[in-house]
Amino acid sequence: MKIGGVEVEIAHAGLRTPVEQRPLLFRPLTVRGVTLRNRIMLGPMSQYLSFDGNTTDWHLVHLGQFAIGGAGIVFAEETAAEAVGRRTHDCAGIYNDEHVRRYRRITDFLRELGAAPVHIPQRRHPDACGPNQHAAPRQQRGDHARPQHETG
């Protein structure tokens, strides 16, 4: 198997067992035309480590470790469709071309490792927090993220 262009040998004992002899958890599953290598799923975890909505190398390493470990499906954290939809200043977004490019790097890597990547879009009405209380651009990287409803 190639990981990041480097040939790597991964010896998972369960992969040598014929599919029909594996426990159901470790058997492939096809959902809407996508075949998962097993039924192990990593649920979404908010990392709060994005910068201006951009994912970072942290996200690549964090999510990649679960794909390397054998998870069949890997959920990314919630991803805001617009800047005002982010819960904090450090939440990931997918509302510009740079965000898409950075997420593509992660999803391509996860697929290369045999996992099915999934994004969790944030579904929220813009008025859910009240008027004019949405996340604004950060002044400095050292600022602490605050939920939108907090002030001051």
Protein backbone atom coordinates (compact mmCIF):
# COMPACT_ATOMS: atom_id res chain seq x y z
CA MET A 1 0.00 0.00 0.00
CA LYS A 2 1.24 3.51 -0.78
CA ILE A 3 0.82 6.25 1.81
CA GLY A 4 1.76 9.72 0.63
CA GLY A 5 3.62 8.18 -2.31
CA VAL A 6 5.72 5.86 -0.09
CA GLU A 7 5.26 2.09 -0.27
CA VAL A 8 4.30 0.83 3.20
CA GLU A 9 3.48 -2.70 4.31
CA ILE A 10 0.58 -2.82 6.75
CA ALA A 11 0.03 -6.19 8.39
CA HIS A 12 -3.43 -6.21 9.95
CA ALA A 13 -4.11 -9.77 11.11
CA GLY A 14 -7.83 -9.34 10.50
CA LEU A 15 -7.25 -8.55 6.83
CA ARG A 16 -5.73 -11.98 6.26
CA THR A 17 -8.87 -13.70 7.53
CA PRO A 18 -11.29 -14.54 4.71
CA VAL A 19 -14.18 -12.06 4.64
CA GLU A 20 -16.84 -14.70 5.35
CA GLN A 21 -14.99 -15.76 8.53
CA ARG A 22 -14.64 -12.25 9.97
CA PRO A 23 -17.03 -10.93 12.63
CA LEU A 24 -19.72 -8.70 11.10
CA LEU A 25 -17.96 -5.57 12.42
CA PHE A 26 -14.94 -6.31 10.22
CA ARG A 27 -16.80 -7.19 7.03
CA PRO A 28 -17.22 -4.72 4.17
CA LEU A 29 -20.49 -2.79 3.92
CA THR A 30 -21.91 -1.05 0.85
CA VAL A 31 -24.05 2.04 1.44
CA ARG A 32 -25.45 3.98 -1.55
CA GLY A 33 -22.80 2.63 -3.87
CA VAL A 34 -19.86 3.28 -1.51
CA THR A 35 -18.18 0.16 -0.14
CA LEU A 36 -16.62 0.56 3.30
CA ARG A 37 -13.80 -1.81 4.23
CA ASN A 38 -15.50 -2.49 7.58
CA ARG A 39 -18.18 -1.09 9.87
CA ILE A 40 -15.83 0.77 12.19
CA MET A 41 -16.71 4.46 12.22
CA LEU A 42 -14.93 7.43 13.74
CA GLY A 43 -17.55 9.93 14.81
CA PRO A 44 -17.08 13.67 14.31
CA MET A 45 -14.97 15.49 16.90
CA SER A 46 -14.72 19.26 16.98
CA GLN A 47 -11.02 20.14 17.09
CA TYR A 48 -11.26 23.96 17.24
CA LEU A 49 -7.85 24.12 15.53
CA SER A 50 -8.72 25.75 12.22
CA PHE A 51 -7.42 29.18 11.32
CA ASP A 52 -9.77 31.50 9.40
CA GLY A 53 -11.86 28.40 8.67
CA ASN A 54 -8.89 26.56 7.11
CA THR A 55 -7.99 23.05 8.17
CA THR A 56 -4.34 22.52 9.08
CA ASP A 57 -1.78 19.71 9.18
CA TRP A 58 -3.28 18.88 12.57
CA HIS A 59 -6.48 17.75 10.85
CA LEU A 60 -4.54 15.66 8.32
CA VAL A 61 -2.60 13.85 11.06
CA HIS A 62 -5.52 13.57 13.48
CA LEU A 63 -7.97 12.08 10.97
CA GLY A 64 -5.29 10.13 9.12
CA GLN A 65 -4.32 8.18 12.24
CA PHE A 66 -7.78 6.62 12.40
CA ALA A 67 -7.69 5.66 8.72
CA ILE A 68 -4.25 4.10 9.24
CA GLY A 69 -5.70 2.25 12.25
CA GLY A 70 -8.32 0.68 10.00
CA ALA A 71 -11.52 2.71 10.44
CA GLY A 72 -13.88 2.16 7.52
CA ILE A 73 -15.46 5.61 7.70
CA VAL A 74 -13.97 8.79 9.16
CA PHE A 75 -16.18 11.79 9.91
CA ALA A 76 -14.55 15.22 9.87
CA GLU A 77 -15.69 17.84 12.35
CA GLU A 78 -18.68 20.03 11.58
CA THR A 79 -17.86 22.30 8.67
CA ALA A 80 -19.50 25.72 8.32
CA ALA A 81 -20.88 26.65 4.91
CA GLU A 82 -20.31 30.35 5.56
CA ALA A 83 -18.14 32.38 7.95
CA VAL A 84 -21.07 33.55 10.06
CA GLY A 85 -22.06 29.91 10.63
CA ARG A 86 -18.95 29.00 12.60
CA ARG A 87 -19.58 28.38 16.29
CA THR A 88 -16.15 29.71 17.22
CA HIS A 89 -13.31 31.48 15.45
CA ASP A 90 -11.41 28.18 15.33
CA CYS A 91 -14.12 26.09 13.64
CA ALA A 92 -13.51 24.70 10.16
CA GLY A 93 -15.26 26.11 7.12
CA ILE A 94 -15.77 25.15 3.52
CA TYR A 95 -16.98 28.46 2.11
CA ASN A 96 -14.06 29.44 -0.12
CA ASP A 97 -11.68 27.81 -2.59
CA GLU A 98 -8.80 27.59 -0.10
CA HIS A 99 -10.98 25.66 2.36
CA VAL A 100 -11.99 23.24 -0.39
CA ARG A 101 -8.35 22.76 -1.44
CA ARG A 102 -7.24 22.02 2.12
CA TYR A 103 -10.12 19.61 2.77
CA ARG A 104 -9.39 17.89 -0.56
CA ARG A 105 -5.87 17.13 0.69
CA ILE A 106 -7.32 15.44 3.76
CA THR A 107 -10.06 13.51 1.97
CA ASP A 108 -7.65 12.30 -0.72
CA PHE A 109 -5.30 11.07 2.02
CA LEU A 110 -8.09 9.26 3.85
CA ARG A 111 -9.24 7.58 0.63
CA GLU A 112 -5.66 6.57 -0.16
CA LEU A 113 -5.57 4.85 3.22
CA GLY A 114 -8.80 2.98 2.48
CA ALA A 115 -11.23 5.01 4.61
CA ALA A 116 -14.37 6.79 3.42
CA PRO A 117 -14.22 10.47 4.49
CA VAL A 118 -17.44 12.28 5.45
CA HIS A 119 -18.05 15.96 6.27
CA ILE A 120 -20.65 17.07 8.78
CA PRO A 121 -22.15 20.36 7.61
CA GLN A 122 -23.36 22.72 10.27
CA ARG A 123 -27.08 23.30 9.94
CA ARG A 124 -28.06 26.47 11.66
CA HIS A 125 -30.33 29.33 10.87
CA PRO A 126 -28.35 32.61 10.73
CA ASP A 127 -30.63 34.17 13.36
CA ALA A 128 -30.15 31.32 15.87
CA CYS A 129 -27.72 33.44 17.94
CA GLY A 130 -29.50 36.72 17.53
CA PRO A 131 -28.62 39.58 15.21
CA ASN A 132 -24.99 40.66 14.75
CA GLN A 133 -23.54 38.02 17.08
CA HIS A 134 -21.74 35.85 14.53
CA ALA A 135 -18.07 34.92 14.51
CA ALA A 136 -15.87 37.72 13.21
CA PRO A 137 -12.31 37.52 11.88
CA ARG A 138 -9.73 37.07 14.62
CA GLN A 139 -7.18 39.75 15.37
CA GLN A 140 -4.41 37.49 16.68
CA ARG A 141 -3.78 33.74 16.65
CA GLY A 142 -3.41 33.78 20.44
CA ASP A 143 -7.00 34.88 21.02
CA HIS A 144 -9.16 32.30 22.72
CA ALA A 145 -12.15 31.10 20.74
CA ARG A 146 -15.48 32.13 22.21
CA PRO A 147 -18.94 30.91 21.29
CA GLN A 148 -20.87 33.44 19.24
CA HIS A 149 -23.35 34.22 22.00
CA GLU A 150 -20.63 35.46 24.39
CA THR A 151 -19.75 39.12 24.41
CA GLY A 152 -16.77 41.19 25.50
